[in-house]
Amino acid sequence: MIPGMNPRQMNQMMKKMGIRQVEIDAIEVIIRCEDKEIVISNPQVSKVNMMGQETYQVVGEESERAIDSTPDISSDDVKTVMEQTGKSEVEARAAIVEAKGDLAEAIMKLSE
């Protein structure tokens, strides 16, 4: 905001310049990166459209959390890989983790 200008005048000026701003009622904003998530709690989110380009402005309390990149491995998946390759449970589980949960890739690697 510009000091001394009331919000109504500011909105009228922005409208004349082709800028539209909409407040979004958000509970939480999560930005996902490869190795972490940035979490904005209690955010104030504004969507701004200026000359056809939309941007978001986020203000709030920031925190980070690590991402667990280990895939969830079911016992059925391990059993399938063991049956197809004749390998042990430990070897099958390790191959599934290495293949990031892709059973076909895990089976191919163990069959080589």
PDB file of N, CA and C in Angstrom:
ATOM      1  N   MET A   1       0.828  -1.190   0.000  1.00  0.00           N
ATOM      2  CA  MET A   1       0.000   0.000   0.000  1.00  0.00           C
ATOM      3  C   MET A   1       0.872   1.253   0.000  1.00  0.00           C
ATOM      4  N   ILE A   2       0.329   2.267  -0.585  1.00  0.00           N
ATOM      5  CA  ILE A   2       1.011   3.557  -0.598  1.00  0.00           C
ATOM      6  C   ILE A   2       0.524   4.345   0.607  1.00  0.00           C
ATOM      7  N   PRO A   3       1.442   4.872   1.429  1.00  0.00           N
ATOM      8  CA  PRO A   3       1.027   5.629   2.616  1.00  0.00           C
ATOM      9  C   PRO A   3       0.141   6.809   2.231  1.00  0.00           C
ATOM     10  N   GLY A   4      -0.932   6.994   2.983  1.00  0.00           N
ATOM     11  CA  GLY A   4      -1.830   8.120   2.761  1.00  0.00           C
ATOM     12  C   GLY A   4      -2.909   7.854   1.721  1.00  0.00           C
ATOM     13  N   MET A   5      -2.896   6.718   1.064  1.00  0.00           N
ATOM     14  CA  MET A   5      -3.914   6.412   0.063  1.00  0.00           C
ATOM     15  C   MET A   5      -4.835   5.339   0.634  1.00  0.00           C
ATOM     16  N   ASN A   6      -6.133   5.586   0.566  1.00  0.00           N
ATOM     17  CA  ASN A   6      -7.051   4.590   1.115  1.00  0.00           C
ATOM     18  C   ASN A   6      -7.176   3.408   0.163  1.00  0.00           C
ATOM     19  N   PRO A   7      -7.552   2.248   0.690  1.00  0.00           N
ATOM     20  CA  PRO A   7      -7.614   1.030  -0.124  1.00  0.00           C
ATOM     21  C   PRO A   7      -8.531   1.145  -1.345  1.00  0.00           C
ATOM     22  N   ARG A   8      -9.614   1.888  -1.227  1.00  0.00           N
ATOM     23  CA  ARG A   8     -10.544   2.036  -2.343  1.00  0.00           C
ATOM     24  C   ARG A   8      -9.877   2.771  -3.513  1.00  0.00           C
ATOM     25  N   GLN A   9      -9.156   3.864  -3.191  1.00  0.00           N
ATOM     26  CA  GLN A   9      -8.440   4.598  -4.236  1.00  0.00           C
ATOM     27  C   GLN A   9      -7.381   3.710  -4.893  1.00  0.00           C
ATOM     28  N   MET A  10      -6.699   2.923  -4.061  1.00  0.00           N
ATOM     29  CA  MET A  10      -5.664   2.031  -4.568  1.00  0.00           C
ATOM     30  C   MET A  10      -6.269   1.019  -5.537  1.00  0.00           C
ATOM     31  N   ASN A  11      -7.404   0.422  -5.178  1.00  0.00           N
ATOM     32  CA  ASN A  11      -8.071  -0.542  -6.062  1.00  0.00           C
ATOM     33  C   ASN A  11      -8.509   0.106  -7.372  1.00  0.00           C
ATOM     34  N   GLN A  12      -9.031   1.341  -7.318  1.00  0.00           N
ATOM     35  CA  GLN A  12      -9.447   2.040  -8.532  1.00  0.00           C
ATOM     36  C   GLN A  12      -8.243   2.312  -9.436  1.00  0.00           C
ATOM     37  N   MET A  13      -7.128   2.723  -8.846  1.00  0.00           N
ATOM     38  CA  MET A  13      -5.918   3.008  -9.609  1.00  0.00           C
ATOM     39  C   MET A  13      -5.396   1.717 -10.271  1.00  0.00           C
ATOM     40  N   MET A  14      -5.412   0.610  -9.513  1.00  0.00           N
ATOM     41  CA  MET A  14      -4.952  -0.663 -10.061  1.00  0.00           C
ATOM     42  C   MET A  14      -5.859  -1.115 -11.209  1.00  0.00           C
ATOM     43  N   LYS A  15      -7.152  -0.905 -11.061  1.00  0.00           N
ATOM     44  CA  LYS A  15      -8.106  -1.295 -12.096  1.00  0.00           C
ATOM     45  C   LYS A  15      -7.854  -0.513 -13.380  1.00  0.00           C
ATOM     46  N   LYS A  16      -7.559   0.784 -13.260  1.00  0.00           N
ATOM     47  CA  LYS A  16      -7.260   1.613 -14.427  1.00  0.00           C
ATOM     48  C   LYS A  16      -6.003   1.129 -15.155  1.00  0.00           C
ATOM     49  N   MET A  17      -5.054   0.594 -14.402  1.00  0.00           N
ATOM     50  CA  MET A  17      -3.809   0.112 -14.994  1.00  0.00           C
ATOM     51  C   MET A  17      -3.942  -1.334 -15.492  1.00  0.00           C
ATOM     52  N   GLY A  18      -5.126  -1.924 -15.351  1.00  0.00           N
ATOM     53  CA  GLY A  18      -5.344  -3.284 -15.827  1.00  0.00           C
ATOM     54  C   GLY A  18      -4.848  -4.345 -14.867  1.00  0.00           C
ATOM     55  N   ILE A  19      -4.726  -3.991 -13.614  1.00  0.00           N
ATOM     56  CA  ILE A  19      -4.247  -4.930 -12.593  1.00  0.00           C
ATOM     57  C   ILE A  19      -5.444  -5.355 -11.748  1.00  0.00           C
ATOM     58  N   ARG A  20      -5.656  -6.672 -11.688  1.00  0.00           N
ATOM     59  CA  ARG A  20      -6.730  -7.196 -10.839  1.00  0.00           C
ATOM     60  C   ARG A  20      -6.114  -8.054  -9.745  1.00  0.00           C
ATOM     61  N   GLN A  21      -6.593  -7.860  -8.540  1.00  0.00           N
ATOM     62  CA  GLN A  21      -6.077  -8.618  -7.401  1.00  0.00           C
ATOM     63  C   GLN A  21      -7.242  -9.268  -6.672  1.00  0.00           C
ATOM     64  N   VAL A  22      -7.086 -10.573  -6.401  1.00  0.00           N
ATOM     65  CA  VAL A  22      -8.122 -11.326  -5.703  1.00  0.00           C
ATOM     66  C   VAL A  22      -7.476 -11.995  -4.493  1.00  0.00           C
ATOM     67  N   GLU A  23      -8.110 -11.875  -3.356  1.00  0.00           N
ATOM     68  CA  GLU A  23      -7.627 -12.554  -2.148  1.00  0.00           C
ATOM     69  C   GLU A  23      -8.138 -13.991  -2.168  1.00  0.00           C
ATOM     70  N   ILE A  24      -7.268 -14.928  -1.824  1.00  0.00           N
ATOM     71  CA  ILE A  24      -7.627 -16.340  -1.791  1.00  0.00           C
ATOM     72  C   ILE A  24      -7.628 -16.797  -0.346  1.00  0.00           C
ATOM     73  N   ASP A  25      -8.731 -17.418   0.070  1.00  0.00           N
ATOM     74  CA  ASP A  25      -8.859 -17.906   1.442  1.00  0.00           C
ATOM     75  C   ASP A  25      -8.157 -19.259   1.553  1.00  0.00           C
ATOM     76  N   ALA A  26      -6.878 -19.242   1.920  1.00  0.00           N
ATOM     77  CA  ALA A  26      -6.077 -20.467   1.993  1.00  0.00           C
ATOM     78  C   ALA A  26      -5.783 -20.818   3.448  1.00  0.00           C
ATOM     79  N   ILE A  27      -5.649 -22.102   3.709  1.00  0.00           N
ATOM     80  CA  ILE A  27      -5.324 -22.602   5.044  1.00  0.00           C
ATOM     81  C   ILE A  27      -3.821 -22.833   5.162  1.00  0.00           C
ATOM     82  N   GLU A  28      -3.223 -23.328   4.068  1.00  0.00           N
ATOM     83  CA  GLU A  28      -1.809 -23.666   4.076  1.00  0.00           C
ATOM     84  C   GLU A  28      -1.310 -23.653   2.634  1.00  0.00           C
ATOM     85  N   VAL A  29      -0.059 -23.242   2.433  1.00  0.00           N
ATOM     86  CA  VAL A  29       0.563 -23.270   1.111  1.00  0.00           C
ATOM     87  C   VAL A  29       1.794 -24.157   1.216  1.00  0.00           C
ATOM     88  N   ILE A  30       1.902 -25.124   0.284  1.00  0.00           N
ATOM     89  CA  ILE A  30       3.038 -26.045   0.285  1.00  0.00           C
ATOM     90  C   ILE A  30       3.780 -25.911  -1.038  1.00  0.00           C
ATOM     91  N   ILE A  31       5.084 -25.668  -0.949  1.00  0.00           N
ATOM     92  CA  ILE A  31       5.942 -25.608  -2.122  1.00  0.00           C
ATOM     93  C   ILE A  31       6.820 -26.847  -2.066  1.00  0.00           C
ATOM     94  N   ARG A  32       6.680 -27.732  -3.063  1.00  0.00           N
ATOM     95  CA  ARG A  32       7.428 -28.992  -3.063  1.00  0.00           C
ATOM     96  C   ARG A  32       8.696 -28.860  -3.882  1.00  0.00           C
ATOM     97  N   CYS A  33       9.814 -29.176  -3.255  1.00  0.00           N
ATOM     98  CA  CYS A  33      11.114 -29.223  -3.917  1.00  0.00           C
ATOM     99  C   CYS A  33      11.536 -30.690  -3.959  1.00  0.00           C
ATOM    100  N   GLU A  34      12.668 -30.977  -4.585  1.00  0.00           N
ATOM    101  CA  GLU A  34      13.110 -32.369  -4.670  1.00  0.00           C
ATOM    102  C   GLU A  34      13.381 -32.976  -3.309  1.00  0.00           C
ATOM    103  N   ASP A  35      13.986 -32.219  -2.415  1.00  0.00           N
ATOM    104  CA  ASP A  35      14.433 -32.778  -1.146  1.00  0.00           C
ATOM    105  C   ASP A  35      13.694 -32.258   0.077  1.00  0.00           C
ATOM    106  N   LYS A  36      12.775 -31.290  -0.113  1.00  0.00           N
ATOM    107  CA  LYS A  36      12.064 -30.727   1.030  1.00  0.00           C
ATOM    108  C   LYS A  36      10.759 -30.092   0.582  1.00  0.00           C
ATOM    109  N   GLU A  37       9.934 -29.771   1.558  1.00  0.00           N
ATOM    110  CA  GLU A  37       8.721 -29.002   1.327  1.00  0.00           C
ATOM    111  C   GLU A  37       8.810 -27.736   2.152  1.00  0.00           C
ATOM    112  N   ILE A  38       8.438 -26.619   1.553  1.00  0.00           N
ATOM    113  CA  ILE A  38       8.353 -25.357   2.283  1.00  0.00           C
ATOM    114  C   ILE A  38       6.869 -25.148   2.565  1.00  0.00           C
ATOM    115  N   VAL A  39       6.542 -25.044   3.846  1.00  0.00           N
ATOM    116  CA  VAL A  39       5.144 -24.946   4.264  1.00  0.00           C
ATOM    117  C   VAL A  39       4.897 -23.552   4.826  1.00  0.00           C
ATOM    118  N   ILE A  40       3.899 -22.867   4.287  1.00  0.00           N
ATOM    119  CA  ILE A  40       3.503 -21.547   4.771  1.00  0.00           C
ATOM    120  C   ILE A  40       2.178 -21.718   5.508  1.00  0.00           C
ATOM    121  N   SER A  41       2.233 -21.517   6.837  1.00  0.00           N
ATOM    122  CA  SER A  41       1.029 -21.645   7.668  1.00  0.00           C
ATOM    123  C   SER A  41       0.380 -20.277   7.839  1.00  0.00           C
ATOM    124  N   ASN A  42      -0.908 -20.277   8.071  1.00  0.00           N
ATOM    125  CA  ASN A  42      -1.683 -19.045   8.244  1.00  0.00           C
ATOM    126  C   ASN A  42      -1.369 -18.035   7.139  1.00  0.00           C
ATOM    127  N   PRO A  43      -1.482 -18.447   5.866  1.00  0.00           N
ATOM    128  CA  PRO A  43      -1.065 -17.552   4.788  1.00  0.00           C
ATOM    129  C   PRO A  43      -2.102 -16.502   4.419  1.00  0.00           C
ATOM    130  N   GLN A  44      -1.594 -15.413   3.898  1.00  0.00           N
ATOM    131  CA  GLN A  44      -2.412 -14.419   3.222  1.00  0.00           C
ATOM    132  C   GLN A  44      -2.000 -14.540   1.759  1.00  0.00           C
ATOM    133  N   VAL A  45      -2.914 -14.996   0.903  1.00  0.00           N
ATOM    134  CA  VAL A  45      -2.585 -15.266  -0.491  1.00  0.00           C
ATOM    135  C   VAL A  45      -3.371 -14.316  -1.390  1.00  0.00           C
ATOM    136  N   SER A  46      -2.636 -13.643  -2.274  1.00  0.00           N
ATOM    137  CA  SER A  46      -3.249 -12.755  -3.257  1.00  0.00           C
ATOM    138  C   SER A  46      -2.901 -13.246  -4.647  1.00  0.00           C
ATOM    139  N   LYS A  47      -3.901 -13.308  -5.513  1.00  0.00           N
ATOM    140  CA  LYS A  47      -3.689 -13.660  -6.918  1.00  0.00           C
ATOM    141  C   LYS A  47      -3.786 -12.360  -7.703  1.00  0.00           C
ATOM    142  N   VAL A  48      -2.707 -12.015  -8.403  1.00  0.00           N
ATOM    143  CA  VAL A  48      -2.643 -10.761  -9.131  1.00  0.00           C
ATOM    144  C   VAL A  48      -2.581 -11.055 -10.625  1.00  0.00           C
ATOM    145  N   ASN A  49      -3.482 -10.446 -11.393  1.00  0.00           N
ATOM    146  CA  ASN A  49      -3.490 -10.588 -12.844  1.00  0.00           C
ATOM    147  C   ASN A  49      -3.093  -9.241 -13.421  1.00  0.00           C
ATOM    148  N   MET A  50      -1.917  -9.205 -14.073  1.00  0.00           N
ATOM    149  CA  MET A  50      -1.415  -7.976 -14.667  1.00  0.00           C
ATOM    150  C   MET A  50      -1.104  -8.254 -16.131  1.00  0.00           C
ATOM    151  N   MET A  51      -1.850  -7.624 -17.010  1.00  0.00           N
ATOM    152  CA  MET A  51      -1.676  -7.791 -18.457  1.00  0.00           C
ATOM    153  C   MET A  51      -1.705  -9.260 -18.865  1.00  0.00           C
ATOM    154  N   GLY A  52      -2.635 -10.032 -18.307  1.00  0.00           N
ATOM    155  CA  GLY A  52      -2.821 -11.423 -18.677  1.00  0.00           C
ATOM    156  C   GLY A  52      -1.899 -12.410 -17.986  1.00  0.00           C
ATOM    157  N   GLN A  53      -0.960 -11.916 -17.205  1.00  0.00           N
ATOM    158  CA  GLN A  53      -0.047 -12.816 -16.494  1.00  0.00           C
ATOM    159  C   GLN A  53      -0.455 -12.876 -15.020  1.00  0.00           C
ATOM    160  N   GLU A  54      -0.658 -14.121 -14.540  1.00  0.00           N
ATOM    161  CA  GLU A  54      -1.079 -14.302 -13.152  1.00  0.00           C
ATOM    162  C   GLU A  54       0.104 -14.629 -12.267  1.00  0.00           C
ATOM    163  N   THR A  55       0.153 -13.964 -11.125  1.00  0.00           N
ATOM    164  CA  THR A  55       1.171 -14.256 -10.114  1.00  0.00           C
ATOM    165  C   THR A  55       0.467 -14.380  -8.772  1.00  0.00           C
ATOM    166  N   TYR A  56       1.146 -15.076  -7.870  1.00  0.00           N
ATOM    167  CA  TYR A  56       0.607 -15.256  -6.529  1.00  0.00           C
ATOM    168  C   TYR A  56       1.574 -14.640  -5.527  1.00  0.00           C
ATOM    169  N   GLN A  57       1.029 -13.931  -4.561  1.00  0.00           N
ATOM    170  CA  GLN A  57       1.827 -13.359  -3.488  1.00  0.00           C
ATOM    171  C   GLN A  57       1.402 -14.062  -2.202  1.00  0.00           C
ATOM    172  N   VAL A  58       2.386 -14.632  -1.500  1.00  0.00           N
ATOM    173  CA  VAL A  58       2.098 -15.403  -0.299  1.00  0.00           C
ATOM    174  C   VAL A  58       2.876 -14.807   0.872  1.00  0.00           C
ATOM    175  N   VAL A  59       2.168 -14.528   1.961  1.00  0.00           N
ATOM    176  CA  VAL A  59       2.785 -14.033   3.184  1.00  0.00           C
ATOM    177  C   VAL A  59       2.297 -14.916   4.321  1.00  0.00           C
ATOM    178  N   GLY A  60       3.213 -15.373   5.181  1.00  0.00           N
ATOM    179  CA  GLY A  60       2.803 -16.211   6.304  1.00  0.00           C
ATOM    180  C   GLY A  60       3.985 -16.737   7.083  1.00  0.00           C
ATOM    181  N   GLU A  61       3.719 -17.720   7.926  1.00  0.00           N
ATOM    182  CA  GLU A  61       4.737 -18.322   8.785  1.00  0.00           C
ATOM    183  C   GLU A  61       5.363 -19.503   8.052  1.00  0.00           C
ATOM    184  N   GLU A  62       6.679 -19.433   7.791  1.00  0.00           N
ATOM    185  CA  GLU A  62       7.369 -20.458   7.002  1.00  0.00           C
ATOM    186  C   GLU A  62       7.990 -21.524   7.883  1.00  0.00           C
ATOM    187  N   SER A  63       7.906 -22.765   7.419  1.00  0.00           N
ATOM    188  CA  SER A  63       8.631 -23.868   8.035  1.00  0.00           C
ATOM    189  C   SER A  63       9.015 -24.838   6.914  1.00  0.00           C
ATOM    190  N   GLU A  64       9.967 -25.705   7.203  1.00  0.00           N
ATOM    191  CA  GLU A  64      10.415 -26.687   6.214  1.00  0.00           C
ATOM    192  C   GLU A  64      10.265 -28.076   6.780  1.00  0.00           C
ATOM    193  N   ARG A  65      10.048 -29.028   5.878  1.00  0.00           N
ATOM    194  CA  ARG A  65      10.050 -30.424   6.294  1.00  0.00           C
ATOM    195  C   ARG A  65      10.690 -31.255   5.188  1.00  0.00           C
ATOM    196  N   ALA A  66      11.427 -32.261   5.613  1.00  0.00           N
ATOM    197  CA  ALA A  66      12.125 -33.139   4.674  1.00  0.00           C
ATOM    198  C   ALA A  66      11.126 -34.067   3.999  1.00  0.00           C
ATOM    199  N   ILE A  67      11.444 -34.474   2.789  1.00  0.00           N
ATOM    200  CA  ILE A  67      10.607 -35.417   2.048  1.00  0.00           C
ATOM    201  C   ILE A  67      11.233 -36.792   2.159  1.00  0.00           C
ATOM    202  N   ASP A  68      10.419 -37.759   2.546  1.00  0.00           N
ATOM    203  CA  ASP A  68      10.884 -39.142   2.605  1.00  0.00           C
ATOM    204  C   ASP A  68      10.746 -39.718   1.202  1.00  0.00           C
ATOM    205  N   SER A  69      11.883 -39.941   0.542  1.00  0.00           N
ATOM    206  CA  SER A  69      11.848 -40.399  -0.844  1.00  0.00           C
ATOM    207  C   SER A  69      11.801 -41.918  -0.963  1.00  0.00           C
ATOM    208  N   THR A  70      11.746 -42.622   0.173  1.00  0.00           N
ATOM    209  CA  THR A  70      11.658 -44.075   0.132  1.00  0.00           C
ATOM    210  C   THR A  70      10.228 -44.478  -0.225  1.00  0.00           C
ATOM    211  N   PRO A  71      10.055 -45.261  -1.282  1.00  0.00           N
ATOM    212  CA  PRO A  71       8.691 -45.647  -1.665  1.00  0.00           C
ATOM    213  C   PRO A  71       8.084 -46.615  -0.654  1.00  0.00           C
ATOM    214  N   ASP A  72       6.764 -46.554  -0.528  1.00  0.00           N
ATOM    215  CA  ASP A  72       6.063 -47.528   0.306  1.00  0.00           C
ATOM    216  C   ASP A  72       6.087 -48.867  -0.425  1.00  0.00           C
ATOM    217  N   ILE A  73       6.585 -49.873   0.257  1.00  0.00           N
ATOM    218  CA  ILE A  73       6.716 -51.188  -0.364  1.00  0.00           C
ATOM    219  C   ILE A  73       5.800 -52.161   0.361  1.00  0.00           C
ATOM    220  N   SER A  74       4.852 -52.715  -0.377  1.00  0.00           N
ATOM    221  CA  SER A  74       3.933 -53.671   0.235  1.00  0.00           C
ATOM    222  C   SER A  74       4.555 -55.061   0.223  1.00  0.00           C
ATOM    223  N   SER A  75       4.081 -55.893   1.126  1.00  0.00           N
ATOM    224  CA  SER A  75       4.586 -57.269   1.175  1.00  0.00           C
ATOM    225  C   SER A  75       4.232 -58.025  -0.108  1.00  0.00           C
ATOM    226  N   ASP A  76       3.105 -57.659  -0.751  1.00  0.00           N
ATOM    227  CA  ASP A  76       2.726 -58.283  -2.022  1.00  0.00           C
ATOM    228  C   ASP A  76       3.734 -57.952  -3.117  1.00  0.00           C
ATOM    229  N   ASP A  77       4.215 -56.700  -3.118  1.00  0.00           N
ATOM    230  CA  ASP A  77       5.225 -56.305  -4.113  1.00  0.00           C
ATOM    231  C   ASP A  77       6.511 -57.099  -3.917  1.00  0.00           C
ATOM    232  N   VAL A  78       6.939 -57.223  -2.670  1.00  0.00           N
ATOM    233  CA  VAL A  78       8.164 -57.970  -2.367  1.00  0.00           C
ATOM    234  C   VAL A  78       7.990 -59.429  -2.786  1.00  0.00           C
ATOM    235  N   LYS A  79       6.829 -59.997  -2.473  1.00  0.00           N
ATOM    236  CA  LYS A  79       6.552 -61.392  -2.815  1.00  0.00           C
ATOM    237  C   LYS A  79       6.571 -61.605  -4.329  1.00  0.00           C
ATOM    238  N   THR A  80       5.997 -60.667  -5.072  1.00  0.00           N
ATOM    239  CA  THR A  80       5.981 -60.764  -6.536  1.00  0.00           C
ATOM    240  C   THR A  80       7.395 -60.771  -7.096  1.00  0.00           C
ATOM    241  N   VAL A  81       8.236 -59.851  -6.622  1.00  0.00           N
ATOM    242  CA  VAL A  81       9.616 -59.783  -7.107  1.00  0.00           C
ATOM    243  C   VAL A  81      10.380 -61.048  -6.723  1.00  0.00           C
ATOM    244  N   MET A  82      10.147 -61.554  -5.510  1.00  0.00           N
ATOM    245  CA  MET A  82      10.818 -62.791  -5.072  1.00  0.00           C
ATOM    246  C   MET A  82      10.421 -63.966  -5.966  1.00  0.00           C
ATOM    247  N   GLU A  83       9.130 -64.083  -6.268  1.00  0.00           N
ATOM    248  CA  GLU A  83       8.641 -65.187  -7.092  1.00  0.00           C
ATOM    249  C   GLU A  83       9.182 -65.116  -8.518  1.00  0.00           C
ATOM    250  N   GLN A  84       9.271 -63.909  -9.044  1.00  0.00           N
ATOM    251  CA  GLN A  84       9.712 -63.735 -10.431  1.00  0.00           C
ATOM    252  C   GLN A  84      11.223 -63.913 -10.607  1.00  0.00           C
ATOM    253  N   THR A  85      11.973 -63.651  -9.538  1.00  0.00           N
ATOM    254  CA  THR A  85      13.443 -63.676  -9.671  1.00  0.00           C
ATOM    255  C   THR A  85      14.119 -64.790  -8.890  1.00  0.00           C
ATOM    256  N   GLY A  86      13.415 -65.364  -7.913  1.00  0.00           N
ATOM    257  CA  GLY A  86      14.016 -66.390  -7.068  1.00  0.00           C
ATOM    258  C   GLY A  86      14.994 -65.817  -6.051  1.00  0.00           C
ATOM    259  N   LYS A  87      14.942 -64.513  -5.828  1.00  0.00           N
ATOM    260  CA  LYS A  87      15.854 -63.856  -4.883  1.00  0.00           C
ATOM    261  C   LYS A  87      15.224 -63.793  -3.494  1.00  0.00           C
ATOM    262  N   SER A  88      16.050 -63.454  -2.507  1.00  0.00           N
ATOM    263  CA  SER A  88      15.587 -63.365  -1.120  1.00  0.00           C
ATOM    264  C   SER A  88      14.746 -62.105  -0.905  1.00  0.00           C
ATOM    265  N   GLU A  89      14.074 -62.061   0.237  1.00  0.00           N
ATOM    266  CA  GLU A  89      13.248 -60.893   0.575  1.00  0.00           C
ATOM    267  C   GLU A  89      14.098 -59.633   0.664  1.00  0.00           C
ATOM    268  N   VAL A  90      15.272 -59.740   1.278  1.00  0.00           N
ATOM    269  CA  VAL A  90      16.160 -58.585   1.429  1.00  0.00           C
ATOM    270  C   VAL A  90      16.584 -58.058   0.058  1.00  0.00           C
ATOM    271  N   GLU A  91      16.967 -58.967  -0.849  1.00  0.00           N
ATOM    272  CA  GLU A  91      17.387 -58.560  -2.193  1.00  0.00           C
ATOM    273  C   GLU A  91      16.226 -57.945  -2.972  1.00  0.00           C
ATOM    274  N   ALA A  92      15.048 -58.535  -2.842  1.00  0.00           N
ATOM    275  CA  ALA A  92      13.864 -58.021  -3.547  1.00  0.00           C
ATOM    276  C   ALA A  92      13.499 -56.632  -3.053  1.00  0.00           C
ATOM    277  N   ARG A  93      13.487 -56.458  -1.736  1.00  0.00           N
ATOM    278  CA  ARG A  93      13.146 -55.153  -1.148  1.00  0.00           C
ATOM    279  C   ARG A  93      14.161 -54.087  -1.581  1.00  0.00           C
ATOM    280  N   ALA A  94      15.449 -54.425  -1.562  1.00  0.00           N
ATOM    281  CA  ALA A  94      16.494 -53.476  -1.956  1.00  0.00           C
ATOM    282  C   ALA A  94      16.344 -53.081  -3.426  1.00  0.00           C
ATOM    283  N   ALA A  95      16.010 -54.047  -4.271  1.00  0.00           N
ATOM    284  CA  ALA A  95      15.834 -53.757  -5.697  1.00  0.00           C
ATOM    285  C   ALA A  95      14.632 -52.846  -5.937  1.00  0.00           C
ATOM    286  N   ILE A  96      13.562 -53.054  -5.177  1.00  0.00           N
ATOM    287  CA  ILE A  96      12.370 -52.205  -5.318  1.00  0.00           C
ATOM    288  C   ILE A  96      12.689 -50.779  -4.888  1.00  0.00           C
ATOM    289  N   VAL A  97      13.434 -50.629  -3.790  1.00  0.00           N
ATOM    290  CA  VAL A  97      13.818 -49.293  -3.329  1.00  0.00           C
ATOM    291  C   VAL A  97      14.692 -48.619  -4.377  1.00  0.00           C
ATOM    292  N   GLU A  98      15.660 -49.352  -4.910  1.00  0.00           N
ATOM    293  CA  GLU A  98      16.563 -48.797  -5.923  1.00  0.00           C
ATOM    294  C   GLU A  98      15.797 -48.391  -7.182  1.00  0.00           C
ATOM    295  N   ALA A  99      14.770 -49.159  -7.520  1.00  0.00           N
ATOM    296  CA  ALA A  99      13.953 -48.870  -8.703  1.00  0.00           C
ATOM    297  C   ALA A  99      12.842 -47.867  -8.398  1.00  0.00           C
ATOM    298  N   LYS A 100      12.862 -47.297  -7.205  1.00  0.00           N
ATOM    299  CA  LYS A 100      11.880 -46.286  -6.781  1.00  0.00           C
ATOM    300  C   LYS A 100      10.446 -46.786  -6.897  1.00  0.00           C
ATOM    301  N   GLY A 101      10.251 -48.065  -6.537  1.00  0.00           N
ATOM    302  CA  GLY A 101       8.908 -48.632  -6.512  1.00  0.00           C
ATOM    303  C   GLY A 101       8.457 -49.266  -7.811  1.00  0.00           C
ATOM    304  N   ASP A 102       9.265 -49.203  -8.859  1.00  0.00           N
ATOM    305  CA  ASP A 102       8.902 -49.780 -10.156  1.00  0.00           C
ATOM    306  C   ASP A 102       9.227 -51.279 -10.136  1.00  0.00           C
ATOM    307  N   LEU A 103       8.190 -52.124 -10.017  1.00  0.00           N
ATOM    308  CA  LEU A 103       8.391 -53.568  -9.893  1.00  0.00           C
ATOM    309  C   LEU A 103       9.031 -54.178 -11.134  1.00  0.00           C
ATOM    310  N   ALA A 104       8.613 -53.748 -12.310  1.00  0.00           N
ATOM    311  CA  ALA A 104       9.181 -54.300 -13.542  1.00  0.00           C
ATOM    312  C   ALA A 104      10.677 -54.027 -13.616  1.00  0.00           C
ATOM    313  N   GLU A 105      11.069 -52.815 -13.258  1.00  0.00           N
ATOM    314  CA  GLU A 105      12.490 -52.464 -13.278  1.00  0.00           C
ATOM    315  C   GLU A 105      13.263 -53.273 -12.242  1.00  0.00           C
ATOM    316  N   ALA A 106      12.674 -53.462 -11.061  1.00  0.00           N
ATOM    317  CA  ALA A 106      13.327 -54.252 -10.008  1.00  0.00           C
ATOM    318  C   ALA A 106      13.526 -55.689 -10.456  1.00  0.00           C
ATOM    319  N   ILE A 107      12.523 -56.263 -11.087  1.00  0.00           N
ATOM    320  CA  ILE A 107      12.611 -57.644 -11.576  1.00  0.00           C
ATOM    321  C   ILE A 107      13.678 -57.753 -12.663  1.00  0.00           C
ATOM    322  N   MET A 108      13.709 -56.804 -13.561  1.00  0.00           N
ATOM    323  CA  MET A 108      14.713 -56.824 -14.643  1.00  0.00           C
ATOM    324  C   MET A 108      16.130 -56.750 -14.079  1.00  0.00           C
ATOM    325  N   LYS A 109      16.348 -55.864 -13.091  1.00  0.00           N
ATOM    326  CA  LYS A 109      17.681 -55.721 -12.510  1.00  0.00           C
ATOM    327  C   LYS A 109      18.128 -56.988 -11.804  1.00  0.00           C
ATOM    328  N   LEU A 110      17.217 -57.626 -11.091  1.00  0.00           N
ATOM    329  CA  LEU A 110      17.575 -58.855 -10.374  1.00  0.00           C
ATOM    330  C   LEU A 110      17.713 -60.052 -11.299  1.00  0.00           C
ATOM    331  N   SER A 111      17.112 -59.982 -12.454  1.00  0.00           N
ATOM    332  CA  SER A 111      17.180 -61.097 -13.393  1.00  0.00           C
ATOM    333  C   SER A 111      18.438 -61.071 -14.263  1.00  0.00           C
ATOM    334  N   GLU A 112      19.154 -59.977 -14.242  1.00  0.00           N
ATOM    335  CA  GLU A 112      20.365 -59.857 -15.073  1.00  0.00           C
ATOM    336  C   GLU A 112      21.446 -60.786 -14.606  1.00  0.00           C
TER     337      GLU A 112
END
